[in-house]
Amino acid sequence: MKGICVVSPEFPTGNGKVDLHLKCGEKMGVIEVKSFESFLKTQSAKSQAAAYAKSLGLEGVTVALFVPVRDEAVLAKLSGESSVDGVRVAVVAIGWG
């Protein structure tokens, strides 16, 4: 059906991650949902997300990074867009707590 978009979760298989697969017509996308643990692990998450997107044939991926602070400066520093192994990775830090 034209104009209908589908969001379907890929449930974790014991590794604690959840991915949201998006499909609108022929357009597809992935949002990886992660919890902030450290800056180093965030860098690793970006590489893992890029590899996953590449395996699906996607040009980009979004990482929704949940951070247990509400400080806008911290969230802005963690958010951003970069290219990892030829894949556009957008990190959106979401504050909570």
N, C-alpha and C. Protein backbone atom coordinates (compact mmCIF):
# COMPACT_ATOMS: atom_id res chain seq x y z
N MET A 1 0.84 -1.18 0.00
CA MET A 1 0.00 0.00 0.00
C MET A 1 0.88 1.24 0.00
N LYS A 2 0.54 2.17 -0.83
CA LYS A 2 1.31 3.41 -0.90
C LYS A 2 1.06 4.26 0.34
N GLY A 3 2.13 4.85 0.86
CA GLY A 3 2.02 5.72 2.02
C GLY A 3 2.03 5.00 3.35
N ILE A 4 2.18 3.69 3.33
CA ILE A 4 2.21 2.92 4.57
C ILE A 4 3.66 2.58 4.91
N CYS A 5 4.05 2.89 6.13
CA CYS A 5 5.39 2.55 6.60
C CYS A 5 5.27 1.52 7.71
N VAL A 6 6.25 0.64 7.77
CA VAL A 6 6.25 -0.43 8.76
C VAL A 6 7.51 -0.31 9.60
N VAL A 7 7.34 -0.40 10.92
CA VAL A 7 8.46 -0.44 11.84
C VAL A 7 8.36 -1.77 12.56
N SER A 8 9.41 -2.59 12.43
CA SER A 8 9.38 -3.89 13.08
C SER A 8 10.65 -4.09 13.89
N PRO A 9 10.51 -4.53 15.14
CA PRO A 9 11.70 -4.75 15.97
C PRO A 9 12.34 -6.09 15.66
N GLU A 10 13.65 -6.11 15.75
CA GLU A 10 14.38 -7.37 15.73
C GLU A 10 14.76 -7.60 17.18
N PHE A 11 14.17 -8.58 17.79
CA PHE A 11 14.35 -8.78 19.22
C PHE A 11 15.72 -9.35 19.52
N PRO A 12 16.23 -9.05 20.71
CA PRO A 12 17.57 -9.50 21.07
C PRO A 12 17.68 -11.02 21.10
N THR A 13 18.85 -11.47 20.81
CA THR A 13 19.12 -12.91 20.84
C THR A 13 20.12 -13.19 21.97
N GLY A 14 19.96 -12.49 23.08
CA GLY A 14 20.82 -12.72 24.22
C GLY A 14 21.94 -11.71 24.34
N ASN A 15 22.10 -10.83 23.34
CA ASN A 15 23.20 -9.86 23.41
C ASN A 15 22.74 -8.50 23.91
N GLY A 16 21.46 -8.36 24.25
CA GLY A 16 20.96 -7.13 24.85
C GLY A 16 20.66 -6.01 23.88
N LYS A 17 20.73 -6.25 22.59
CA LYS A 17 20.47 -5.18 21.64
C LYS A 17 19.08 -5.33 21.03
N VAL A 18 18.54 -4.23 20.58
CA VAL A 18 17.28 -4.22 19.85
C VAL A 18 17.49 -3.34 18.63
N ASP A 19 17.10 -3.82 17.48
CA ASP A 19 17.16 -3.04 16.26
C ASP A 19 15.74 -2.81 15.78
N LEU A 20 15.51 -1.62 15.24
CA LEU A 20 14.22 -1.33 14.63
C LEU A 20 14.44 -1.26 13.12
N HIS A 21 13.71 -2.07 12.39
CA HIS A 21 13.78 -2.07 10.93
C HIS A 21 12.62 -1.24 10.40
N LEU A 22 12.92 -0.30 9.51
CA LEU A 22 11.91 0.59 8.94
C LEU A 22 11.77 0.31 7.46
N LYS A 23 10.55 0.32 6.97
CA LYS A 23 10.32 0.13 5.55
C LYS A 23 9.15 1.01 5.12
N CYS A 24 9.43 1.88 4.17
CA CYS A 24 8.42 2.76 3.57
C CYS A 24 8.52 2.56 2.06
N GLY A 25 7.61 1.80 1.51
CA GLY A 25 7.71 1.48 0.09
C GLY A 25 8.99 0.70 -0.16
N GLU A 26 9.82 1.22 -1.04
CA GLU A 26 11.09 0.57 -1.35
C GLU A 26 12.23 1.03 -0.45
N LYS A 27 12.00 2.07 0.36
CA LYS A 27 13.04 2.60 1.24
C LYS A 27 13.11 1.77 2.51
N MET A 28 14.34 1.45 2.90
CA MET A 28 14.56 0.67 4.12
C MET A 28 15.57 1.39 4.99
N GLY A 29 15.48 1.17 6.30
CA GLY A 29 16.42 1.75 7.23
C GLY A 29 16.48 0.94 8.50
N VAL A 30 17.50 1.24 9.31
CA VAL A 30 17.68 0.55 10.59
C VAL A 30 18.04 1.57 11.65
N ILE A 31 17.42 1.41 12.81
CA ILE A 31 17.80 2.18 14.00
C ILE A 31 18.29 1.16 15.03
N GLU A 32 19.53 1.32 15.45
CA GLU A 32 20.07 0.47 16.51
C GLU A 32 19.87 1.20 17.83
N VAL A 33 19.31 0.54 18.82
CA VAL A 33 19.05 1.12 20.12
C VAL A 33 20.14 0.64 21.08
N LYS A 34 20.86 1.59 21.68
CA LYS A 34 21.95 1.26 22.58
C LYS A 34 21.84 2.09 23.86
N SER A 35 22.40 1.57 24.94
CA SER A 35 22.55 2.30 26.20
C SER A 35 23.99 2.76 26.30
N PHE A 36 24.18 4.02 26.71
CA PHE A 36 25.52 4.54 26.87
C PHE A 36 26.22 3.85 28.02
N GLU A 37 27.45 3.37 27.76
CA GLU A 37 28.28 2.80 28.80
C GLU A 37 29.58 3.58 28.94
N SER A 38 30.18 3.92 27.81
CA SER A 38 31.40 4.70 27.80
C SER A 38 31.61 5.25 26.40
N PHE A 39 32.46 6.26 26.29
CA PHE A 39 32.75 6.83 24.97
C PHE A 39 33.38 5.77 24.08
N LEU A 40 34.29 4.97 24.61
CA LEU A 40 34.95 3.93 23.83
C LEU A 40 33.94 2.92 23.29
N LYS A 41 32.99 2.51 24.13
CA LYS A 41 31.98 1.55 23.68
C LYS A 41 31.04 2.18 22.65
N THR A 42 30.85 3.49 22.73
CA THR A 42 30.03 4.18 21.73
C THR A 42 30.72 4.11 20.37
N GLN A 43 32.04 4.28 20.34
CA GLN A 43 32.79 4.17 19.09
C GLN A 43 32.68 2.76 18.52
N SER A 44 32.76 1.78 19.38
CA SER A 44 32.61 0.38 18.96
C SER A 44 31.21 0.12 18.42
N ALA A 45 30.20 0.71 19.07
CA ALA A 45 28.82 0.54 18.63
C ALA A 45 28.62 1.12 17.23
N LYS A 46 29.29 2.24 16.93
CA LYS A 46 29.20 2.84 15.60
C LYS A 46 29.78 1.91 14.54
N SER A 47 30.90 1.29 14.84
CA SER A 47 31.52 0.35 13.90
C SER A 47 30.63 -0.87 13.69
N GLN A 48 30.06 -1.38 14.77
CA GLN A 48 29.18 -2.54 14.68
C GLN A 48 27.93 -2.21 13.89
N ALA A 49 27.36 -1.02 14.12
CA ALA A 49 26.16 -0.60 13.40
C ALA A 49 26.45 -0.44 11.91
N ALA A 50 27.62 0.11 11.58
CA ALA A 50 28.00 0.28 10.18
C ALA A 50 28.14 -1.08 9.49
N ALA A 51 28.77 -2.02 10.16
CA ALA A 51 28.94 -3.36 9.59
C ALA A 51 27.58 -4.03 9.37
N TYR A 52 26.67 -3.85 10.33
CA TYR A 52 25.33 -4.43 10.20
C TYR A 52 24.58 -3.80 9.02
N ALA A 53 24.63 -2.47 8.91
CA ALA A 53 23.97 -1.79 7.80
C ALA A 53 24.54 -2.25 6.46
N LYS A 54 25.85 -2.37 6.41
CA LYS A 54 26.51 -2.81 5.18
C LYS A 54 26.05 -4.22 4.80
N SER A 55 25.91 -5.10 5.80
CA SER A 55 25.47 -6.47 5.53
C SER A 55 24.04 -6.51 4.99
N LEU A 56 23.25 -5.47 5.30
CA LEU A 56 21.88 -5.37 4.79
C LEU A 56 21.80 -4.61 3.47
N GLY A 57 22.96 -4.12 3.00
CA GLY A 57 22.99 -3.35 1.76
C GLY A 57 22.51 -1.92 1.92
N LEU A 58 22.58 -1.38 3.14
CA LEU A 58 22.13 -0.01 3.40
C LEU A 58 23.31 0.95 3.37
N GLU A 59 23.05 2.19 2.98
CA GLU A 59 24.08 3.21 2.92
C GLU A 59 24.27 3.92 4.25
N GLY A 60 23.29 3.79 5.16
CA GLY A 60 23.36 4.49 6.43
C GLY A 60 22.60 3.77 7.52
N VAL A 61 22.88 4.18 8.76
CA VAL A 61 22.23 3.61 9.93
C VAL A 61 22.17 4.69 11.00
N THR A 62 21.16 4.60 11.86
CA THR A 62 21.04 5.52 12.99
C THR A 62 21.20 4.74 14.27
N VAL A 63 21.99 5.28 15.19
CA VAL A 63 22.15 4.71 16.53
C VAL A 63 21.43 5.63 17.50
N ALA A 64 20.38 5.11 18.14
CA ALA A 64 19.68 5.84 19.20
C ALA A 64 20.38 5.47 20.50
N LEU A 65 21.12 6.43 21.06
CA LEU A 65 21.95 6.19 22.22
C LEU A 65 21.30 6.80 23.46
N PHE A 66 20.84 5.96 24.37
CA PHE A 66 20.19 6.45 25.58
C PHE A 66 21.25 6.70 26.65
N VAL A 67 21.28 7.93 27.15
CA VAL A 67 22.31 8.39 28.08
C VAL A 67 21.62 8.85 29.36
N PRO A 68 22.09 8.40 30.54
CA PRO A 68 21.40 8.73 31.79
C PRO A 68 21.71 10.12 32.33
N VAL A 69 21.68 11.13 31.45
CA VAL A 69 21.83 12.53 31.84
C VAL A 69 20.89 13.38 30.98
N ARG A 70 20.65 14.60 31.43
CA ARG A 70 19.83 15.52 30.64
C ARG A 70 20.62 16.74 30.21
N ASP A 71 21.92 16.74 30.44
CA ASP A 71 22.79 17.87 30.10
C ASP A 71 22.91 17.96 28.57
N GLU A 72 22.36 19.04 28.01
CA GLU A 72 22.35 19.21 26.55
C GLU A 72 23.74 19.25 25.94
N ALA A 73 24.72 19.77 26.68
CA ALA A 73 26.10 19.82 26.17
C ALA A 73 26.66 18.41 26.01
N VAL A 74 26.39 17.55 26.97
CA VAL A 74 26.86 16.15 26.90
C VAL A 74 26.16 15.44 25.75
N LEU A 75 24.86 15.62 25.64
CA LEU A 75 24.11 14.96 24.57
C LEU A 75 24.57 15.43 23.20
N ALA A 76 24.86 16.72 23.07
CA ALA A 76 25.34 17.26 21.79
C ALA A 76 26.71 16.69 21.44
N LYS A 77 27.56 16.52 22.43
CA LYS A 77 28.90 15.98 22.19
C LYS A 77 28.85 14.52 21.72
N LEU A 78 27.89 13.76 22.24
CA LEU A 78 27.75 12.35 21.87
C LEU A 78 27.02 12.17 20.54
N SER A 79 26.23 13.14 20.14
CA SER A 79 25.46 13.06 18.89
C SER A 79 26.31 13.52 17.72
N GLY A 80 25.94 13.04 16.55
CA GLY A 80 26.64 13.50 15.35
C GLY A 80 26.57 12.47 14.24
N GLU A 81 27.15 12.83 13.13
CA GLU A 81 27.14 11.97 11.96
C GLU A 81 28.57 11.80 11.46
N SER A 82 28.89 10.57 11.06
CA SER A 82 30.22 10.30 10.52
C SER A 82 30.12 9.15 9.52
N SER A 83 31.20 8.94 8.81
CA SER A 83 31.27 7.83 7.87
C SER A 83 32.17 6.76 8.48
N VAL A 84 31.66 5.55 8.55
CA VAL A 84 32.42 4.43 9.09
C VAL A 84 32.43 3.33 8.04
N ASP A 85 33.59 3.07 7.49
CA ASP A 85 33.75 2.04 6.46
C ASP A 85 32.77 2.26 5.30
N GLY A 86 32.60 3.54 4.92
CA GLY A 86 31.75 3.88 3.79
C GLY A 86 30.26 3.93 4.09
N VAL A 87 29.88 3.78 5.34
CA VAL A 87 28.48 3.81 5.76
C VAL A 87 28.26 5.06 6.61
N ARG A 88 27.19 5.81 6.32
CA ARG A 88 26.85 6.99 7.11
C ARG A 88 26.23 6.52 8.42
N VAL A 89 26.84 6.91 9.54
CA VAL A 89 26.34 6.54 10.86
C VAL A 89 25.94 7.82 11.59
N ALA A 90 24.66 7.91 11.92
CA ALA A 90 24.14 9.06 12.68
C ALA A 90 23.87 8.58 14.10
N VAL A 91 24.47 9.26 15.08
CA VAL A 91 24.23 8.95 16.48
C VAL A 91 23.35 10.04 17.05
N VAL A 92 22.25 9.65 17.66
CA VAL A 92 21.33 10.58 18.31
C VAL A 92 21.29 10.22 19.78
N ALA A 93 21.91 11.06 20.60
CA ALA A 93 21.93 10.82 22.04
C ALA A 93 20.62 11.34 22.65
N ILE A 94 19.99 10.49 23.43
CA ILE A 94 18.71 10.80 24.05
C ILE A 94 18.88 10.75 25.55
N GLY A 95 18.65 11.87 26.22
CA GLY A 95 18.84 11.94 27.66
C GLY A 95 17.65 11.41 28.42
N TRP A 96 17.93 10.82 29.57
CA TRP A 96 16.88 10.35 30.46
C TRP A 96 17.43 10.40 31.89
N GLY A 97 16.55 10.32 32.81
CA GLY A 97 16.99 10.29 34.21
C GLY A 97 16.63 11.52 34.96
